[in-house]
Amino acid sequence: MLTRQLIHTIPRASRQHVALGATRTWSDWRETGGSVKEFIQDMTSRPPTVSTDVIDAGRALQLLRTLPTRQTDVAAGTAPAVLGGSLEKAHHLIYFQPQDWMRELAEDGTSTEYNAPAPYKRRMWAGGAFEWFPDRGLPIGKEVTQTITVPDVSEKSGMMFVNQVREYQATDAPKGEWAVREHRTHVFLPDEAAQTKPKPKPSTVGMPKPDYTFTYTPSTPLLFRYSALTFNAHKIHYDIEWTLKKEGHPDLVVHGPLTATLLVELGAEAALDTATNFTRFDYRATSPMYVDRDITLNAAWDTRGEKLTLWAEQDDKVGMKATAVFAPAVL
């Protein structure tokens, strides 16, 4: 009883790192009967939300130990180099974890911080972009500040799209000197979408011959580890009964941001190969990919040293497409 009383006396704002402006959760909208129009207005009119996190070496190393691209002897031998350096590209996704209490999670286990109202209860990671400012990193062992805005929320074709912009910079850097800028899009579908016939998945036919390739088999331990690192309780990654019966998937789903991170790893290899700066990565999830089936990551130069096309495929279908942009290295 004492624990319950203590929890209920903690003001919501104090549970955030730092928060500017009031926030409402998916549960709030369901309980108050808020309309989709009100949700869009609320989301897009909010002031920036600012929070901080420490980029500790422990989590950075645990991610390296988890990523399939880092399982070779050569990659494993580079792990200690993370200490005292800057966080590698796209590895920031395991930091700034959701702040929800258990009672605030949606029925499917997702964080409700940016979830859409009913009937849009099924969430998927749709895509986004990463920009990296040259010669500015997120220093390991230091505090980093994240600023979130929601510039656009739209309802179209029976879906709800929530678009966030997140900027990350070292807390002790001058304001506005971001090191990483991320565009993140979630798509929300109505419950009944799980019962409809799935759309045909995009084929790998017509994709270019890859210059770089990497194949791995996603396992349940991989999905568990990545969920733990990102504090993500979405049931489609671990609850097979929910995934089959409620979401209509044939098996557990591989995380979208995990696939994006692995494609970024391929882009980073291309940057090393051409001695260039990897400056931007845009990606879009085209269909879900599933556990215990091989996934092949591919990358092909459009213009060597300038632009790269990347994609992830499973069972001859494309699950994610991306482009990477490079700039000459500053000597």
Protein backbone atom coordinates (compact mmCIF):
# COMPACT_ATOMS: atom_id res chain seq x y z
CA MET A 1 0.00 0.00 0.00
CA LEU A 2 2.79 2.41 0.83
CA THR A 3 4.31 1.91 -2.61
CA ARG A 4 0.98 2.64 -4.34
CA GLN A 5 0.51 5.81 -2.31
CA LEU A 6 3.99 7.04 -3.10
CA ILE A 7 3.51 6.43 -6.81
CA HIS A 8 0.23 8.32 -6.89
CA THR A 9 1.65 11.35 -5.07
CA ILE A 10 4.47 11.88 -7.60
CA PRO A 11 3.48 14.67 -10.04
CA ARG A 12 3.69 13.56 -13.68
CA ALA A 13 6.11 16.35 -14.67
CA SER A 14 8.66 15.21 -12.07
CA ARG A 15 8.89 11.81 -13.74
CA GLN A 16 10.41 13.29 -16.89
CA HIS A 17 14.05 14.29 -17.31
CA VAL A 18 12.79 17.76 -18.25
CA ALA A 19 9.47 18.56 -19.91
CA LEU A 20 8.15 21.81 -21.32
CA GLY A 21 4.38 21.99 -21.60
CA ALA A 22 1.69 19.55 -20.57
CA THR A 23 1.40 16.22 -22.34
CA ARG A 24 -1.52 13.85 -22.82
CA THR A 25 -1.25 10.13 -23.44
CA TRP A 26 -3.20 7.76 -25.67
CA SER A 27 -5.06 6.65 -22.53
CA ASP A 28 -6.10 10.27 -21.84
CA TRP A 29 -7.63 10.62 -25.29
CA ARG A 30 -9.50 7.30 -25.00
CA GLU A 31 -10.90 8.16 -21.58
CA THR A 32 -11.99 11.71 -22.47
CA GLY A 33 -13.31 10.84 -25.90
CA GLY A 34 -10.97 13.30 -27.59
CA SER A 35 -11.41 13.51 -31.35
CA VAL A 36 -8.78 12.91 -34.00
CA LYS A 37 -8.94 16.61 -34.88
CA GLU A 38 -8.26 17.57 -31.25
CA PHE A 39 -5.36 15.11 -31.11
CA ILE A 40 -3.74 16.60 -34.21
CA GLN A 41 -4.19 20.13 -32.88
CA ASP A 42 -2.75 19.20 -29.49
CA MET A 43 0.27 17.38 -30.89
CA THR A 44 1.29 20.03 -33.42
CA SER A 45 0.78 22.97 -31.04
CA ARG A 46 2.90 21.61 -28.21
CA PRO A 47 6.09 23.50 -27.30
CA PRO A 48 9.35 21.57 -27.71
CA THR A 49 9.91 18.80 -25.18
CA VAL A 50 13.45 18.83 -23.79
CA SER A 51 15.10 15.98 -21.90
CA THR A 52 18.60 14.78 -21.01
CA ASP A 53 20.33 11.43 -20.83
CA VAL A 54 23.88 10.29 -20.16
CA ILE A 55 25.48 8.41 -23.04
CA ASP A 56 27.00 5.78 -20.78
CA ALA A 57 29.54 3.32 -22.14
CA GLY A 58 27.71 0.36 -20.62
CA ARG A 59 24.70 0.61 -22.91
CA ALA A 60 26.89 1.47 -25.90
CA LEU A 61 28.88 -1.73 -25.36
CA GLN A 62 25.74 -3.82 -24.84
CA LEU A 63 24.41 -2.64 -28.19
CA LEU A 64 27.70 -3.57 -29.88
CA ARG A 65 27.46 -7.01 -28.27
CA THR A 66 23.91 -7.37 -29.64
CA LEU A 67 24.08 -6.13 -33.24
CA PRO A 68 24.52 -8.94 -35.80
CA THR A 69 26.98 -6.77 -37.73
CA ARG A 70 29.31 -6.69 -34.70
CA GLN A 71 29.61 -10.43 -34.03
CA THR A 72 32.85 -11.10 -35.95
CA ASP A 73 36.19 -11.35 -34.18
CA VAL A 74 37.36 -8.13 -35.85
CA ALA A 75 34.28 -6.16 -34.77
CA ALA A 76 34.36 -7.58 -31.25
CA GLY A 77 37.96 -6.49 -30.90
CA THR A 78 37.00 -2.85 -31.52
CA ALA A 79 34.46 -2.72 -28.69
CA PRO A 80 36.81 -1.19 -26.07
CA ALA A 81 37.40 1.74 -28.44
CA VAL A 82 33.90 2.97 -27.55
CA LEU A 83 35.22 4.21 -24.20
CA GLY A 84 36.06 7.92 -24.37
CA GLY A 85 34.87 8.30 -27.97
CA SER A 86 31.65 9.36 -29.65
CA LEU A 87 28.57 7.23 -30.11
CA GLU A 88 28.39 5.48 -33.46
CA LYS A 89 25.81 6.44 -36.05
CA ALA A 90 22.19 5.48 -35.23
CA HIS A 91 23.25 3.99 -31.88
CA HIS A 92 21.52 6.90 -30.12
CA LEU A 93 18.21 5.03 -30.58
CA ILE A 94 18.78 3.02 -27.39
CA TYR A 95 19.02 6.20 -25.29
CA PHE A 96 16.23 8.60 -24.22
CA GLN A 97 13.96 5.70 -23.36
CA PRO A 98 10.17 6.05 -22.91
CA GLN A 99 9.04 7.46 -19.56
CA ASP A 100 5.75 5.58 -19.18
CA TRP A 101 4.71 3.84 -16.00
CA MET A 102 3.32 0.32 -16.41
CA ARG A 103 -0.23 1.57 -15.91
CA GLU A 104 0.24 4.04 -18.77
CA LEU A 105 1.20 1.50 -21.44
CA ALA A 106 -1.27 0.79 -24.25
CA GLU A 107 -2.90 -2.63 -24.51
CA ASP A 108 -0.26 -3.72 -27.03
CA GLY A 109 2.54 -2.70 -24.65
CA THR A 110 3.58 0.42 -26.53
CA SER A 111 4.56 3.72 -24.97
CA THR A 112 1.64 6.16 -25.15
CA GLU A 113 3.68 9.38 -25.29
CA TYR A 114 2.88 9.94 -28.98
CA ASN A 115 0.22 7.30 -29.66
CA ALA A 116 -2.84 8.25 -31.70
CA PRO A 117 -6.41 8.01 -30.31
CA ALA A 118 -8.98 5.34 -31.16
CA PRO A 119 -9.59 3.80 -33.58
CA TYR A 120 -5.87 4.02 -34.44
CA LYS A 121 -4.51 1.55 -31.90
CA ARG A 122 -2.01 -0.50 -33.96
CA ARG A 123 1.41 1.16 -34.11
CA MET A 124 4.23 0.52 -36.58
CA TRP A 125 7.58 2.29 -37.06
CA ALA A 126 7.12 3.69 -40.59
CA GLY A 127 10.46 5.34 -41.31
CA GLY A 128 12.43 8.52 -40.91
CA ALA A 129 15.84 10.06 -41.43
CA PHE A 130 19.11 10.75 -39.63
CA GLU A 131 21.38 13.72 -40.25
CA TRP A 132 24.87 13.92 -38.74
CA PHE A 133 26.66 17.24 -38.46
CA PRO A 134 30.31 16.74 -39.49
CA ASP A 135 32.80 16.72 -36.61
CA ARG A 136 30.08 16.84 -33.96
CA GLY A 137 29.39 13.65 -32.05
CA LEU A 138 27.46 12.49 -29.01
CA PRO A 139 30.27 12.01 -26.48
CA ILE A 140 30.23 8.76 -24.53
CA GLY A 141 30.25 9.40 -20.81
CA LYS A 142 28.70 12.86 -21.17
CA GLU A 143 25.21 14.27 -20.79
CA VAL A 144 23.27 14.86 -24.01
CA THR A 145 20.14 16.96 -24.54
CA GLN A 146 17.25 15.88 -26.77
CA THR A 147 14.68 18.35 -28.13
CA ILE A 148 11.47 16.96 -29.67
CA THR A 149 8.91 18.76 -31.81
CA VAL A 150 5.91 17.33 -33.68
CA PRO A 151 5.64 19.43 -36.84
CA ASP A 152 3.08 17.28 -38.60
CA VAL A 153 0.31 14.79 -37.81
CA SER A 154 -1.92 13.64 -40.64
CA GLU A 155 -4.83 11.28 -41.23
CA LYS A 156 -4.97 9.70 -44.66
CA SER A 157 -5.95 6.45 -46.37
CA GLY A 158 -7.34 5.02 -43.14
CA MET A 159 -4.08 5.59 -41.24
CA MET A 160 -2.65 8.17 -38.83
CA PHE A 161 0.92 9.42 -39.28
CA VAL A 162 2.75 11.11 -36.40
CA ASN A 163 5.98 12.84 -37.44
CA GLN A 164 8.57 13.88 -34.87
CA VAL A 165 11.80 15.85 -35.21
CA ARG A 166 14.42 15.07 -32.58
CA GLU A 167 17.67 17.00 -32.19
CA TYR A 168 20.52 15.75 -30.03
CA GLN A 169 23.49 17.74 -28.80
CA ALA A 170 26.03 17.64 -26.02
CA THR A 171 24.46 19.48 -23.08
CA ASP A 172 27.56 21.62 -22.58
CA ALA A 173 27.60 22.71 -26.26
CA PRO A 174 26.11 26.06 -27.32
CA LYS A 175 22.35 25.90 -27.85
CA GLY A 176 21.41 24.86 -31.35
CA GLU A 177 24.66 23.06 -32.13
CA TRP A 178 23.04 19.69 -32.76
CA ALA A 179 25.16 16.66 -33.56
CA VAL A 180 22.30 14.40 -34.71
CA ARG A 181 18.95 15.39 -36.15
CA GLU A 182 16.36 12.65 -36.50
CA HIS A 183 13.02 12.57 -38.30
CA ARG A 184 10.84 9.78 -36.93
CA THR A 185 7.45 8.66 -38.29
CA HIS A 186 5.03 6.26 -36.63
CA VAL A 187 1.96 5.02 -38.48
CA PHE A 188 -1.17 3.97 -36.59
CA LEU A 189 -3.78 1.65 -38.06
CA PRO A 190 -7.27 0.78 -36.82
CA ASP A 191 -7.82 -2.57 -35.08
CA GLU A 192 -9.77 -3.98 -37.98
CA ALA A 193 -6.73 -3.60 -40.25
CA ALA A 194 -5.35 -6.79 -38.69
CA GLN A 195 -8.25 -8.74 -40.18
CA THR A 196 -7.88 -7.42 -43.74
CA LYS A 197 -6.00 -9.21 -46.47
CA PRO A 198 -2.35 -8.09 -46.43
CA LYS A 199 -1.07 -6.07 -49.37
CA PRO A 200 1.50 -7.67 -51.70
CA LYS A 201 5.04 -7.06 -50.47
CA PRO A 202 7.50 -5.23 -52.74
CA SER A 203 9.69 -7.66 -54.64
CA THR A 204 13.48 -7.50 -54.91
CA VAL A 205 13.09 -7.74 -58.70
CA GLY A 206 14.64 -4.65 -60.27
CA MET A 207 16.90 -3.83 -57.33
CA PRO A 208 20.51 -3.06 -58.33
CA LYS A 209 23.44 -5.41 -57.88
CA PRO A 210 24.77 -4.75 -54.38
CA ASP A 211 28.29 -3.49 -53.69
CA TYR A 212 27.95 -4.44 -50.02
CA THR A 213 25.90 -7.22 -48.48
CA PHE A 214 25.37 -8.83 -45.09
CA THR A 215 23.06 -11.71 -44.16
CA TYR A 216 21.92 -12.73 -40.69
CA THR A 217 19.05 -14.64 -39.08
CA PRO A 218 17.08 -12.65 -36.49
CA SER A 219 16.48 -14.75 -33.37
CA THR A 220 14.20 -14.36 -30.37
CA PRO A 221 17.21 -13.54 -28.12
CA LEU A 222 18.13 -10.72 -30.53
CA LEU A 223 14.60 -9.30 -30.38
CA PHE A 224 14.58 -9.61 -26.59
CA ARG A 225 17.92 -7.83 -26.22
CA TYR A 226 16.97 -4.98 -28.54
CA SER A 227 13.61 -4.55 -26.81
CA ALA A 228 15.44 -4.38 -23.47
CA LEU A 229 18.01 -1.89 -24.73
CA THR A 230 15.28 0.41 -26.05
CA PHE A 231 12.86 -0.19 -23.13
CA ASN A 232 10.28 -1.23 -25.74
CA ALA A 233 7.42 -3.42 -24.51
CA HIS A 234 5.57 -3.69 -27.84
CA LYS A 235 4.09 -7.19 -27.81
CA ILE A 236 4.73 -7.89 -31.50
CA HIS A 237 8.39 -8.48 -30.62
CA TYR A 238 7.87 -11.17 -27.94
CA ASP A 239 4.23 -12.23 -27.43
CA ILE A 240 3.48 -14.76 -30.17
CA GLU A 241 -0.19 -15.26 -29.25
CA TRP A 242 -0.86 -11.51 -29.35
CA THR A 243 1.10 -11.14 -32.59
CA LEU A 244 -0.80 -13.92 -34.37
CA LYS A 245 -4.32 -13.34 -33.08
CA LYS A 246 -4.47 -9.59 -32.47
CA GLU A 247 -2.04 -8.12 -35.01
CA GLY A 248 -2.42 -10.68 -37.79
CA HIS A 249 1.33 -11.28 -38.32
CA PRO A 250 2.63 -14.79 -39.11
CA ASP A 251 5.41 -14.55 -36.51
CA LEU A 252 7.26 -12.18 -34.16
CA VAL A 253 8.24 -8.92 -35.87
CA VAL A 254 11.80 -7.60 -36.20
CA HIS A 255 12.12 -4.02 -34.90
CA GLY A 256 12.08 -1.33 -37.58
CA PRO A 257 14.75 0.80 -35.87
CA LEU A 258 16.98 -2.28 -35.53
CA THR A 259 16.84 -2.82 -39.30
CA ALA A 260 17.50 0.88 -39.87
CA THR A 261 20.53 0.72 -37.55
CA LEU A 262 21.91 -2.30 -39.39
CA LEU A 263 21.54 -0.54 -42.75
CA VAL A 264 23.34 2.48 -41.27
CA GLU A 265 26.14 0.10 -40.28
CA LEU A 266 26.41 -0.88 -43.95
CA GLY A 267 26.49 2.80 -44.91
CA ALA A 268 29.26 3.43 -42.38
CA GLU A 269 31.29 0.66 -44.00
CA ALA A 270 30.82 2.36 -47.39
CA ALA A 271 32.02 5.66 -45.90
CA LEU A 272 35.18 3.98 -44.64
CA ASP A 273 35.68 2.34 -48.02
CA THR A 274 35.54 5.70 -49.82
CA ALA A 275 37.08 7.91 -47.09
CA THR A 276 33.98 10.13 -47.03
CA ASN A 277 31.69 11.63 -44.39
CA PHE A 278 28.35 9.85 -43.96
CA THR A 279 25.98 12.81 -43.56
CA ARG A 280 22.38 11.67 -44.10
CA PHE A 281 20.27 8.50 -44.11
CA ASP A 282 16.61 8.37 -45.18
CA TYR A 283 14.63 5.16 -44.77
CA ARG A 284 11.13 3.74 -45.15
CA ALA A 285 9.73 0.46 -43.89
CA THR A 286 7.90 -1.24 -46.76
CA SER A 287 6.76 -4.48 -45.10
CA PRO A 288 7.30 -6.32 -41.80
CA MET A 289 10.13 -8.83 -41.44
CA TYR A 290 10.01 -11.79 -39.10
CA VAL A 291 12.07 -13.82 -36.67
CA ASP A 292 14.00 -16.98 -37.66
CA ARG A 293 14.11 -16.17 -41.37
CA ASP A 294 17.25 -14.85 -43.07
CA ILE A 295 17.46 -11.11 -43.68
CA THR A 296 19.96 -9.77 -46.21
CA LEU A 297 21.14 -6.17 -46.00
CA ASN A 298 22.30 -4.68 -49.30
CA ALA A 299 23.84 -1.44 -50.50
CA ALA A 300 24.65 -0.29 -54.04
CA TRP A 301 26.34 2.91 -55.14
CA ASP A 302 24.29 5.31 -57.27
CA THR A 303 27.33 7.57 -57.47
CA ARG A 304 30.38 6.19 -55.70
CA GLY A 305 31.34 8.33 -52.72
CA GLU A 306 28.16 10.44 -52.99
CA LYS A 307 24.91 8.47 -52.85
CA LEU A 308 24.07 4.91 -51.85
CA THR A 309 20.85 2.90 -52.21
CA LEU A 310 20.24 0.43 -49.38
CA TRP A 311 17.59 -2.18 -48.71
CA ALA A 312 16.78 -5.09 -46.42
CA GLU A 313 15.17 -8.17 -47.90
CA GLN A 314 13.59 -11.35 -46.60
CA ASP A 315 12.14 -14.20 -48.68
CA ASP A 316 12.82 -12.17 -51.88
CA LYS A 317 10.70 -9.27 -50.58
CA VAL A 318 11.96 -5.81 -49.61
CA GLY A 319 11.24 -4.94 -45.99
CA MET A 320 13.02 -1.56 -45.85
CA LYS A 321 14.44 0.85 -48.42
CA ALA A 322 16.92 3.63 -47.73
CA THR A 323 19.28 6.15 -49.27
CA ALA A 324 22.55 7.40 -47.80
CA VAL A 325 24.34 10.63 -48.69
CA PHE A 326 28.09 11.25 -48.34
CA ALA A 327 30.33 14.29 -48.50
CA PRO A 328 34.07 14.68 -49.01
CA ALA A 329 36.03 14.28 -45.80
CA VAL A 330 37.46 17.50 -44.40
CA LEU A 331 41.24 17.19 -44.18
